[in-house]
PDB file of N, CA and C in Angstrom:
ATOM      1  N   MET A   1       9.266 -15.593  -9.822  1.00  0.00           N
ATOM      2  CA  MET A   1       9.196 -15.311  -8.524  1.00  0.00           C
ATOM      3  C   MET A   1       9.084 -13.790  -8.305  1.00  0.00           C
ATOM      4  N   ALA A   2       8.075 -13.367  -7.534  1.00  0.00           N
ATOM      5  CA  ALA A   2       8.028 -11.922  -7.282  1.00  0.00           C
ATOM      6  C   ALA A   2       9.255 -11.228  -6.559  1.00  0.00           C
ATOM      7  N   LEU A   3       9.494 -10.127  -6.947  1.00  0.00           N
ATOM      8  CA  LEU A   3      10.729  -9.444  -6.449  1.00  0.00           C
ATOM      9  C   LEU A   3      10.335  -8.928  -4.956  1.00  0.00           C
ATOM     10  N   GLU A   4      11.461  -8.667  -4.253  1.00  0.00           N
ATOM     11  CA  GLU A   4      11.363  -8.056  -2.933  1.00  0.00           C
ATOM     12  C   GLU A   4      11.862  -6.641  -2.972  1.00  0.00           C
ATOM     13  N   PHE A   5      10.726  -5.787  -2.798  1.00  0.00           N
ATOM     14  CA  PHE A   5      11.205  -4.366  -2.759  1.00  0.00           C
ATOM     15  C   PHE A   5      11.380  -3.947  -1.068  1.00  0.00           C
ATOM     16  N   THR A   6      12.235  -3.024  -0.981  1.00  0.00           N
ATOM     17  CA  THR A   6      12.480  -2.471   0.413  1.00  0.00           C
ATOM     18  C   THR A   6      12.638  -1.074   0.421  1.00  0.00           C
ATOM     19  N   ASP A   7      12.715  -0.353   1.466  1.00  0.00           N
ATOM     20  CA  ASP A   7      13.040   1.144   1.550  1.00  0.00           C
ATOM     21  C   ASP A   7      14.315   1.239   0.892  1.00  0.00           C
ATOM     22  N   ALA A   8      15.461   0.349   0.888  1.00  0.00           N
ATOM     23  CA  ALA A   8      16.772   0.525   0.375  1.00  0.00           C
ATOM     24  C   ALA A   8      16.816   0.391  -1.086  1.00  0.00           C
ATOM     25  N   ASN A   9      15.959  -0.503  -1.690  1.00  0.00           N
ATOM     26  CA  ASN A   9      16.071  -0.690  -3.218  1.00  0.00           C
ATOM     27  C   ASN A   9      14.919  -0.107  -3.895  1.00  0.00           C
ATOM     28  N   PHE A  10      13.988   0.671  -3.236  1.00  0.00           N
ATOM     29  CA  PHE A  10      12.809   1.092  -3.965  1.00  0.00           C
ATOM     30  C   PHE A  10      13.134   2.101  -5.194  1.00  0.00           C
ATOM     31  N   GLN A  11      14.090   2.994  -4.797  1.00  0.00           N
ATOM     32  CA  GLN A  11      14.567   4.090  -5.827  1.00  0.00           C
ATOM     33  C   GLN A  11      15.002   3.418  -6.991  1.00  0.00           C
ATOM     34  N   ASN A  12      15.970   2.528  -6.985  1.00  0.00           N
ATOM     35  CA  ASN A  12      16.668   1.954  -8.196  1.00  0.00           C
ATOM     36  C   ASN A  12      15.682   0.921  -8.652  1.00  0.00           C
ATOM     37  N   SER A  13      15.090  -0.055  -8.007  1.00  0.00           N
ATOM     38  CA  SER A  13      14.294  -1.068  -8.499  1.00  0.00           C
ATOM     39  C   SER A  13      12.900  -0.615  -9.043  1.00  0.00           C
ATOM     40  N   VAL A  14      12.420   0.309  -8.518  1.00  0.00           N
ATOM     41  CA  VAL A  14      10.954   0.654  -9.003  1.00  0.00           C
ATOM     42  C   VAL A  14      10.803   2.123  -9.655  1.00  0.00           C
ATOM     43  N   LEU A  15      11.396   3.211  -8.904  1.00  0.00           N
ATOM     44  CA  LEU A  15      11.309   4.458  -9.486  1.00  0.00           C
ATOM     45  C   LEU A  15      12.200   4.729 -10.751  1.00  0.00           C
ATOM     46  N   GLU A  16      13.346   4.153 -10.636  1.00  0.00           N
ATOM     47  CA  GLU A  16      14.091   4.341 -11.904  1.00  0.00           C
ATOM     48  C   GLU A  16      13.995   3.294 -12.957  1.00  0.00           C
ATOM     49  N   SER A  17      13.131   2.264 -12.871  1.00  0.00           N
ATOM     50  CA  SER A  17      12.928   1.334 -13.831  1.00  0.00           C
ATOM     51  C   SER A  17      12.169   1.876 -14.989  1.00  0.00           C
ATOM     52  N   ASP A  18      12.743   1.270 -16.249  1.00  0.00           N
ATOM     53  CA  ASP A  18      11.972   1.646 -17.495  1.00  0.00           C
ATOM     54  C   ASP A  18      10.871   0.797 -17.840  1.00  0.00           C
ATOM     55  N   LYS A  19      10.474  -0.102 -16.814  1.00  0.00           N
ATOM     56  CA  LYS A  19       9.257  -1.031 -17.009  1.00  0.00           C
ATOM     57  C   LYS A  19       8.202  -0.626 -16.031  1.00  0.00           C
ATOM     58  N   LEU A  20       6.855  -0.901 -16.305  1.00  0.00           N
ATOM     59  CA  LEU A  20       5.937  -0.841 -15.465  1.00  0.00           C
ATOM     60  C   LEU A  20       6.281  -1.721 -14.322  1.00  0.00           C
ATOM     61  N   THR A  21       6.019  -1.223 -13.013  1.00  0.00           N
ATOM     62  CA  THR A  21       6.351  -2.156 -11.858  1.00  0.00           C
ATOM     63  C   THR A  21       5.048  -2.159 -10.912  1.00  0.00           C
ATOM     64  N   VAL A  22       4.778  -3.271 -10.629  1.00  0.00           N
ATOM     65  CA  VAL A  22       3.645  -3.562  -9.849  1.00  0.00           C
ATOM     66  C   VAL A  22       3.991  -3.838  -8.355  1.00  0.00           C
ATOM     67  N   VAL A  23       3.791  -3.030  -7.460  1.00  0.00           N
ATOM     68  CA  VAL A  23       4.176  -3.267  -5.902  1.00  0.00           C
ATOM     69  C   VAL A  23       2.964  -3.642  -5.156  1.00  0.00           C
ATOM     70  N   ASP A  24       3.039  -4.769  -4.595  1.00  0.00           N
ATOM     71  CA  ASP A  24       2.189  -5.224  -3.581  1.00  0.00           C
ATOM     72  C   ASP A  24       2.468  -4.851  -2.109  1.00  0.00           C
ATOM     73  N   PHE A  25       1.966  -3.908  -1.463  1.00  0.00           N
ATOM     74  CA  PHE A  25       2.145  -3.682  -0.159  1.00  0.00           C
ATOM     75  C   PHE A  25       1.482  -4.624   0.722  1.00  0.00           C
ATOM     76  N   TRP A  26       2.198  -5.288   1.534  1.00  0.00           N
ATOM     77  CA  TRP A  26       1.417  -6.328   2.417  1.00  0.00           C
ATOM     78  C   TRP A  26       2.118  -6.405   3.792  1.00  0.00           C
ATOM     79  N   ALA A  27       1.482  -7.330   4.697  1.00  0.00           N
ATOM     80  CA  ALA A  27       2.175  -7.782   5.845  1.00  0.00           C
ATOM     81  C   ALA A  27       1.849  -8.977   6.188  1.00  0.00           C
ATOM     82  N   GLU A  28       2.696  -9.819   6.884  1.00  0.00           N
ATOM     83  CA  GLU A  28       2.372 -11.149   7.355  1.00  0.00           C
ATOM     84  C   GLU A  28       1.124 -11.549   7.917  1.00  0.00           C
ATOM     85  N   TRP A  29       0.757 -10.465   8.715  1.00  0.00           N
ATOM     86  CA  TRP A  29      -0.394 -10.734   9.784  1.00  0.00           C
ATOM     87  C   TRP A  29      -1.728 -10.335   8.870  1.00  0.00           C
ATOM     88  N   CYS A  30      -1.752 -10.008   7.718  1.00  0.00           N
ATOM     89  CA  CYS A  30      -2.772  -9.563   6.911  1.00  0.00           C
ATOM     90  C   CYS A  30      -3.235 -10.736   6.162  1.00  0.00           C
ATOM     91  N   GLY A  31      -4.623 -11.137   6.526  1.00  0.00           N
ATOM     92  CA  GLY A  31      -5.245 -12.275   5.772  1.00  0.00           C
ATOM     93  C   GLY A  31      -5.435 -12.135   4.298  1.00  0.00           C
ATOM     94  N   PRO A  32      -6.179 -10.905   3.917  1.00  0.00           N
ATOM     95  CA  PRO A  32      -6.284 -10.601   2.385  1.00  0.00           C
ATOM     96  C   PRO A  32      -4.956 -10.581   1.768  1.00  0.00           C
ATOM     97  N   CYS A  33      -3.925 -10.040   2.511  1.00  0.00           N
ATOM     98  CA  CYS A  33      -2.614  -9.975   1.775  1.00  0.00           C
ATOM     99  C   CYS A  33      -1.996 -11.351   1.557  1.00  0.00           C
ATOM    100  N   ARG A  34      -2.290 -12.452   2.482  1.00  0.00           N
ATOM    101  CA  ARG A  34      -1.765 -13.739   2.246  1.00  0.00           C
ATOM    102  C   ARG A  34      -2.558 -14.543   1.133  1.00  0.00           C
ATOM    103  N   ALA A  35      -3.821 -14.010   1.094  1.00  0.00           N
ATOM    104  CA  ALA A  35      -4.739 -14.554  -0.022  1.00  0.00           C
ATOM    105  C   ALA A  35      -4.371 -14.166  -1.405  1.00  0.00           C
ATOM    106  N   ILE A  36      -3.994 -12.868  -1.533  1.00  0.00           N
ATOM    107  CA  ILE A  36      -3.576 -12.411  -2.918  1.00  0.00           C
ATOM    108  C   ILE A  36      -2.104 -12.666  -3.294  1.00  0.00           C
ATOM    109  N   GLY A  37      -1.316 -13.144  -2.339  1.00  0.00           N
ATOM    110  CA  GLY A  37       0.145 -13.498  -2.578  1.00  0.00           C
ATOM    111  C   GLY A  37       0.213 -14.477  -3.783  1.00  0.00           C
ATOM    112  N   PRO A  38      -0.500 -15.495  -3.760  1.00  0.00           N
ATOM    113  CA  PRO A  38      -0.303 -16.491  -4.889  1.00  0.00           C
ATOM    114  C   PRO A  38      -0.621 -15.848  -6.192  1.00  0.00           C
ATOM    115  N   VAL A  39      -1.514 -14.925  -6.214  1.00  0.00           N
ATOM    116  CA  VAL A  39      -1.989 -14.242  -7.499  1.00  0.00           C
ATOM    117  C   VAL A  39      -0.698 -13.434  -8.123  1.00  0.00           C
ATOM    118  N   ILE A  40      -0.068 -12.661  -7.038  1.00  0.00           N
ATOM    119  CA  ILE A  40       1.118 -11.847  -7.314  1.00  0.00           C
ATOM    120  C   ILE A  40       2.179 -12.670  -7.780  1.00  0.00           C
ATOM    121  N   GLU A  41       2.437 -13.954  -7.186  1.00  0.00           N
ATOM    122  CA  GLU A  41       3.451 -14.756  -7.771  1.00  0.00           C
ATOM    123  C   GLU A  41       3.144 -15.260  -9.128  1.00  0.00           C
ATOM    124  N   GLU A  42       1.928 -15.647  -9.427  1.00  0.00           N
ATOM    125  CA  GLU A  42       1.451 -16.062 -10.649  1.00  0.00           C
ATOM    126  C   GLU A  42       1.701 -14.762 -11.915  1.00  0.00           C
ATOM    127  N   LEU A  43       1.233 -13.747 -11.376  1.00  0.00           N
ATOM    128  CA  LEU A  43       1.719 -12.531 -12.289  1.00  0.00           C
ATOM    129  C   LEU A  43       3.069 -12.322 -12.680  1.00  0.00           C
ATOM    130  N   ALA A  44       3.850 -12.337 -11.459  1.00  0.00           N
ATOM    131  CA  ALA A  44       5.374 -12.356 -11.642  1.00  0.00           C
ATOM    132  C   ALA A  44       5.846 -13.273 -12.698  1.00  0.00           C
ATOM    133  N   LYS A  45       5.391 -14.512 -12.633  1.00  0.00           N
ATOM    134  CA  LYS A  45       5.963 -15.631 -13.647  1.00  0.00           C
ATOM    135  C   LYS A  45       5.295 -15.237 -15.063  1.00  0.00           C
ATOM    136  N   ASP A  46       3.967 -14.912 -15.047  1.00  0.00           N
ATOM    137  CA  ASP A  46       3.317 -14.632 -16.230  1.00  0.00           C
ATOM    138  C   ASP A  46       4.064 -13.546 -17.040  1.00  0.00           C
ATOM    139  N   TYR A  47       4.396 -12.379 -16.321  1.00  0.00           N
ATOM    140  CA  TYR A  47       4.933 -11.143 -17.065  1.00  0.00           C
ATOM    141  C   TYR A  47       6.461 -11.025 -16.832  1.00  0.00           C
ATOM    142  N   HIS A  48       7.187 -12.163 -16.448  1.00  0.00           N
ATOM    143  CA  HIS A  48       8.619 -12.014 -16.202  1.00  0.00           C
ATOM    144  C   HIS A  48       9.331 -11.532 -17.551  1.00  0.00           C
ATOM    145  N   GLY A  49      10.139 -10.481 -17.265  1.00  0.00           N
ATOM    146  CA  GLY A  49      10.923  -9.880 -18.322  1.00  0.00           C
ATOM    147  C   GLY A  49      10.260  -8.639 -19.026  1.00  0.00           C
ATOM    148  N   LYS A  50       8.669  -8.640 -18.806  1.00  0.00           N
ATOM    149  CA  LYS A  50       7.899  -7.428 -19.314  1.00  0.00           C
ATOM    150  C   LYS A  50       7.637  -6.500 -18.440  1.00  0.00           C
ATOM    151  N   VAL A  51       7.226  -6.986 -17.188  1.00  0.00           N
ATOM    152  CA  VAL A  51       6.859  -6.038 -16.136  1.00  0.00           C
ATOM    153  C   VAL A  51       7.580  -6.618 -14.846  1.00  0.00           C
ATOM    154  N   ASN A  52       7.901  -5.484 -13.867  1.00  0.00           N
ATOM    155  CA  ASN A  52       8.550  -6.022 -12.755  1.00  0.00           C
ATOM    156  C   ASN A  52       7.354  -6.077 -11.768  1.00  0.00           C
ATOM    157  N   ILE A  53       7.305  -7.180 -11.135  1.00  0.00           N
ATOM    158  CA  ILE A  53       6.182  -7.445 -10.162  1.00  0.00           C
ATOM    159  C   ILE A  53       6.841  -7.914  -8.857  1.00  0.00           C
ATOM    160  N   GLY A  54       6.342  -7.152  -7.628  1.00  0.00           N
ATOM    161  CA  GLY A  54       7.054  -7.653  -6.467  1.00  0.00           C
ATOM    162  C   GLY A  54       6.129  -7.149  -5.257  1.00  0.00           C
ATOM    163  N   LYS A  55       6.671  -7.464  -4.058  1.00  0.00           N
ATOM    164  CA  LYS A  55       5.881  -7.249  -2.775  1.00  0.00           C
ATOM    165  C   LYS A  55       6.833  -6.470  -1.843  1.00  0.00           C
ATOM    166  N   LEU A  56       6.299  -5.561  -1.202  1.00  0.00           N
ATOM    167  CA  LEU A  56       6.978  -4.634  -0.116  1.00  0.00           C
ATOM    168  C   LEU A  56       6.257  -5.017   1.220  1.00  0.00           C
ATOM    169  N   ASN A  57       7.016  -5.355   2.158  1.00  0.00           N
ATOM    170  CA  ASN A  57       6.533  -5.731   3.566  1.00  0.00           C
ATOM    171  C   ASN A  57       6.389  -4.248   4.325  1.00  0.00           C
ATOM    172  N   VAL A  58       5.192  -3.952   4.561  1.00  0.00           N
ATOM    173  CA  VAL A  58       5.009  -2.615   5.194  1.00  0.00           C
ATOM    174  C   VAL A  58       5.553  -2.460   6.614  1.00  0.00           C
ATOM    175  N   ASP A  59       5.585  -3.614   7.283  1.00  0.00           N
ATOM    176  CA  ASP A  59       6.223  -3.559   8.663  1.00  0.00           C
ATOM    177  C   ASP A  59       7.597  -3.423   8.653  1.00  0.00           C
ATOM    178  N   HIS A  60       8.429  -4.026   7.598  1.00  0.00           N
ATOM    179  CA  HIS A  60       9.866  -3.870   7.559  1.00  0.00           C
ATOM    180  C   HIS A  60      10.287  -2.668   6.713  1.00  0.00           C
ATOM    181  N   ASN A  61       9.343  -2.032   6.076  1.00  0.00           N
ATOM    182  CA  ASN A  61       9.626  -0.906   5.168  1.00  0.00           C
ATOM    183  C   ASN A  61       8.806   0.203   5.211  1.00  0.00           C
ATOM    184  N   PRO A  62       8.890   0.986   6.530  1.00  0.00           N
ATOM    185  CA  PRO A  62       7.867   2.153   6.674  1.00  0.00           C
ATOM    186  C   PRO A  62       8.068   3.307   5.904  1.00  0.00           C
ATOM    187  N   ASP A  63       9.316   3.731   5.523  1.00  0.00           N
ATOM    188  CA  ASP A  63       9.484   4.821   4.664  1.00  0.00           C
ATOM    189  C   ASP A  63       8.875   4.911   3.451  1.00  0.00           C
ATOM    190  N   VAL A  64       8.909   3.801   2.616  1.00  0.00           N
ATOM    191  CA  VAL A  64       8.168   3.931   1.349  1.00  0.00           C
ATOM    192  C   VAL A  64       6.644   3.824   1.459  1.00  0.00           C
ATOM    193  N   SER A  65       6.162   3.025   2.614  1.00  0.00           N
ATOM    194  CA  SER A  65       4.786   2.935   2.868  1.00  0.00           C
ATOM    195  C   SER A  65       4.128   4.316   3.297  1.00  0.00           C
ATOM    196  N   ILE A  66       4.928   5.039   4.106  1.00  0.00           N
ATOM    197  CA  ILE A  66       4.534   6.281   4.517  1.00  0.00           C
ATOM    198  C   ILE A  66       4.525   7.313   3.442  1.00  0.00           C
ATOM    199  N   LYS A  67       5.595   7.236   2.400  1.00  0.00           N
ATOM    200  CA  LYS A  67       5.705   8.117   1.375  1.00  0.00           C
ATOM    201  C   LYS A  67       4.436   8.048   0.352  1.00  0.00           C
ATOM    202  N   TYR A  68       4.049   6.742   0.183  1.00  0.00           N
ATOM    203  CA  TYR A  68       2.801   6.726  -0.670  1.00  0.00           C
ATOM    204  C   TYR A  68       1.429   6.514  -0.054  1.00  0.00           C
ATOM    205  N   GLY A  69       1.554   7.038   1.310  1.00  0.00           N
ATOM    206  CA  GLY A  69       0.222   6.903   2.090  1.00  0.00           C
ATOM    207  C   GLY A  69      -0.464   5.817   2.246  1.00  0.00           C
ATOM    208  N   ILE A  70       0.255   4.594   2.356  1.00  0.00           N
ATOM    209  CA  ILE A  70      -0.444   3.351   2.374  1.00  0.00           C
ATOM    210  C   ILE A  70      -1.095   3.069   3.859  1.00  0.00           C
ATOM    211  N   THR A  71      -2.539   3.203   3.908  1.00  0.00           N
ATOM    212  CA  THR A  71      -3.069   3.102   5.145  1.00  0.00           C
ATOM    213  C   THR A  71      -3.892   1.764   5.364  1.00  0.00           C
ATOM    214  N   SER A  72      -4.278   1.061   4.196  1.00  0.00           N
ATOM    215  CA  SER A  72      -4.812  -0.140   4.138  1.00  0.00           C
ATOM    216  C   SER A  72      -4.097  -0.994   3.153  1.00  0.00           C
ATOM    217  N   ILE A  73      -4.069  -2.352   3.567  1.00  0.00           N
ATOM    218  CA  ILE A  73      -3.385  -3.360   2.840  1.00  0.00           C
ATOM    219  C   ILE A  73      -4.261  -4.586   2.627  1.00  0.00           C
ATOM    220  N   PRO A  74      -4.151  -5.270   1.646  1.00  0.00           N
ATOM    221  CA  PRO A  74      -3.226  -5.195   0.600  1.00  0.00           C
ATOM    222  C   PRO A  74      -3.581  -3.757  -0.301  1.00  0.00           C
ATOM    223  N   ALA A  75      -2.391  -3.052  -0.703  1.00  0.00           N
ATOM    224  CA  ALA A  75      -2.533  -2.201  -1.636  1.00  0.00           C
ATOM    225  C   ALA A  75      -1.472  -2.383  -2.884  1.00  0.00           C
ATOM    226  N   ILE A  76      -1.974  -2.252  -4.031  1.00  0.00           N
ATOM    227  CA  ILE A  76      -1.004  -2.589  -5.042  1.00  0.00           C
ATOM    228  C   ILE A  76      -1.021  -1.291  -5.897  1.00  0.00           C
ATOM    229  N   LEU A  77       0.260  -0.750  -6.067  1.00  0.00           N
ATOM    230  CA  LEU A  77       0.498   0.395  -6.941  1.00  0.00           C
ATOM    231  C   LEU A  77       1.064  -0.084  -8.296  1.00  0.00           C
ATOM    232  N   PHE A  78       0.742   0.523  -9.398  1.00  0.00           N
ATOM    233  CA  PHE A  78       1.170   0.384 -10.556  1.00  0.00           C
ATOM    234  C   PHE A  78       2.159   1.548 -10.905  1.00  0.00           C
ATOM    235  N   ILE A  79       3.411   1.598 -11.017  1.00  0.00           N
ATOM    236  CA  ILE A  79       4.253   2.570 -11.065  1.00  0.00           C
ATOM    237  C   ILE A  79       4.997   2.432 -12.364  1.00  0.00           C
ATOM    238  N   LYS A  80       5.035   3.680 -13.148  1.00  0.00           N
ATOM    239  CA  LYS A  80       5.686   3.687 -14.406  1.00  0.00           C
ATOM    240  C   LYS A  80       6.392   5.142 -14.566  1.00  0.00           C
ATOM    241  N   GLY A  81       7.704   4.970 -14.904  1.00  0.00           N
ATOM    242  CA  GLY A  81       8.297   6.267 -15.079  1.00  0.00           C
ATOM    243  C   GLY A  81       8.585   7.062 -13.658  1.00  0.00           C
ATOM    244  N   GLY A  82       8.574   6.365 -12.553  1.00  0.00           N
ATOM    245  CA  GLY A  82       8.484   6.973 -11.313  1.00  0.00           C
ATOM    246  C   GLY A  82       7.176   7.513 -10.690  1.00  0.00           C
ATOM    247  N   THR A  83       6.084   7.299 -11.543  1.00  0.00           N
ATOM    248  CA  THR A  83       4.868   7.857 -11.149  1.00  0.00           C
ATOM    249  C   THR A  83       3.802   6.863 -10.950  1.00  0.00           C
ATOM    250  N   VAL A  84       2.874   6.967  -9.940  1.00  0.00           N
ATOM    251  CA  VAL A  84       1.811   6.061  -9.680  1.00  0.00           C
ATOM    252  C   VAL A  84       0.870   6.089 -10.889  1.00  0.00           C
ATOM    253  N   VAL A  85       0.580   5.192 -11.779  1.00  0.00           N
ATOM    254  CA  VAL A  85      -0.305   5.310 -12.870  1.00  0.00           C
ATOM    255  C   VAL A  85      -1.732   4.711 -12.482  1.00  0.00           C
ATOM    256  N   ASP A  86      -1.646   3.699 -11.627  1.00  0.00           N
ATOM    257  CA  ASP A  86      -2.890   3.017 -11.142  1.00  0.00           C
ATOM    258  C   ASP A  86      -2.729   2.512  -9.819  1.00  0.00           C
ATOM    259  N   LYS A  87      -3.833   2.145  -9.103  1.00  0.00           N
ATOM    260  CA  LYS A  87      -3.680   1.392  -7.864  1.00  0.00           C
ATOM    261  C   LYS A  87      -4.927   0.576  -7.731  1.00  0.00           C
ATOM    262  N   GLN A  88      -4.753  -0.431  -6.764  1.00  0.00           N
ATOM    263  CA  GLN A  88      -5.722  -1.322  -6.479  1.00  0.00           C
ATOM    264  C   GLN A  88      -5.715  -1.636  -4.861  1.00  0.00           C
ATOM    265  N   ILE A  89      -6.848  -1.033  -4.279  1.00  0.00           N
ATOM    266  CA  ILE A  89      -6.751  -1.241  -2.630  1.00  0.00           C
ATOM    267  C   ILE A  89      -7.614  -2.298  -2.411  1.00  0.00           C
ATOM    268  N   GLY A  90      -7.172  -3.392  -1.591  1.00  0.00           N
ATOM    269  CA  GLY A  90      -7.824  -4.564  -1.290  1.00  0.00           C
ATOM    270  C   GLY A  90      -7.644  -5.669  -2.283  1.00  0.00           C
ATOM    271  N   ALA A  91      -7.841  -6.917  -1.853  1.00  0.00           N
ATOM    272  CA  ALA A  91      -7.640  -8.103  -2.725  1.00  0.00           C
ATOM    273  C   ALA A  91      -8.413  -8.081  -4.082  1.00  0.00           C
ATOM    274  N   ALA A  92      -7.958  -8.445  -5.058  1.00  0.00           N
ATOM    275  CA  ALA A  92      -8.766  -8.389  -6.406  1.00  0.00           C
ATOM    276  C   ALA A  92      -8.379  -9.644  -7.201  1.00  0.00           C
ATOM    277  N   PRO A  93      -9.285 -10.065  -8.022  1.00  0.00           N
ATOM    278  CA  PRO A  93      -8.925 -11.230  -8.826  1.00  0.00           C
ATOM    279  C   PRO A  93      -7.881 -10.935  -9.837  1.00  0.00           C
ATOM    280  N   LYS A  94      -7.246 -12.013 -10.299  1.00  0.00           N
ATOM    281  CA  LYS A  94      -6.085 -11.814 -11.150  1.00  0.00           C
ATOM    282  C   LYS A  94      -6.634 -11.161 -12.463  1.00  0.00           C
ATOM    283  N   ALA A  95      -7.764 -11.361 -13.039  1.00  0.00           N
ATOM    284  CA  ALA A  95      -8.187 -10.691 -14.124  1.00  0.00           C
ATOM    285  C   ALA A  95      -8.362  -9.121 -14.013  1.00  0.00           C
ATOM    286  N   ILE A  96      -8.661  -8.566 -12.929  1.00  0.00           N
ATOM    287  CA  ILE A  96      -8.769  -7.143 -12.695  1.00  0.00           C
ATOM    288  C   ILE A  96      -7.263  -6.613 -12.693  1.00  0.00           C
ATOM    289  N   LEU A  97      -6.273  -7.301 -12.116  1.00  0.00           N
ATOM    290  CA  LEU A  97      -4.863  -6.930 -12.009  1.00  0.00           C
ATOM    291  C   LEU A  97      -4.372  -6.950 -13.359  1.00  0.00           C
ATOM    292  N   GLU A  98      -4.604  -8.002 -14.236  1.00  0.00           N
ATOM    293  CA  GLU A  98      -4.127  -8.033 -15.567  1.00  0.00           C
ATOM    294  C   GLU A  98      -4.724  -6.938 -16.338  1.00  0.00           C
ATOM    295  N   LYS A  99      -5.868  -6.565 -16.122  1.00  0.00           N
ATOM    296  CA  LYS A  99      -6.458  -5.442 -17.154  1.00  0.00           C
ATOM    297  C   LYS A  99      -5.812  -4.096 -16.676  1.00  0.00           C
ATOM    298  N   LYS A 100      -5.160  -3.956 -15.341  1.00  0.00           N
ATOM    299  CA  LYS A 100      -4.581  -2.752 -15.189  1.00  0.00           C
ATOM    300  C   LYS A 100      -3.221  -2.731 -15.638  1.00  0.00           C
ATOM    301  N   ILE A 101      -2.520  -4.004 -15.673  1.00  0.00           N
ATOM    302  CA  ILE A 101      -1.189  -4.020 -16.331  1.00  0.00           C
ATOM    303  C   ILE A 101      -1.233  -3.792 -17.637  1.00  0.00           C
ATOM    304  N   HIS A 102      -2.202  -4.450 -18.431  1.00  0.00           N
ATOM    305  CA  HIS A 102      -2.224  -4.256 -19.898  1.00  0.00           C
ATOM    306  C   HIS A 102      -2.595  -2.763 -20.267  1.00  0.00           C
ATOM    307  N   ALA A 103      -3.199  -1.967 -19.370  1.00  0.00           N
ATOM    308  CA  ALA A 103      -3.484  -0.646 -19.758  1.00  0.00           C
ATOM    309  C   ALA A 103      -2.189   0.139 -19.631  1.00  0.00           C
ATOM    310  N   HIS A 104      -1.234  -0.092 -19.063  1.00  0.00           N
ATOM    311  CA  HIS A 104      -0.008   0.504 -18.857  1.00  0.00           C
ATOM    312  C   HIS A 104       1.233  -0.018 -19.393  1.00  0.00           C
ATOM    313  N   ILE A 105       1.288  -1.103 -20.207  1.00  0.00           N
ATOM    314  CA  ILE A 105       2.322  -1.698 -20.910  1.00  0.00           C
ATOM    315  C   ILE A 105       2.484  -1.370 -22.386  1.00  0.00           C
TER     316      ILE A 105
END
């Protein structure tokens, strides 16, 4: 199951993690976000223990969203060692996201 990232746990769960972390910035009212949700869940299951994969609701967690300049959703950031190493703006097929994951693990 995908992790739930928040303004409160982002520092510990994402920035201080020793693993690649994939963060899906989304909102309940966003159609493309809901469409990519099952893909994020599949990736979380497929890479469990190897990569941290989770979601951050932009409506409930404005601080992190503002810090990373999220203006369009879905936005998926790939963060390693506290640094954004890649990103995907807009919904994308699972294969594209897997290619980005493999490039950074």
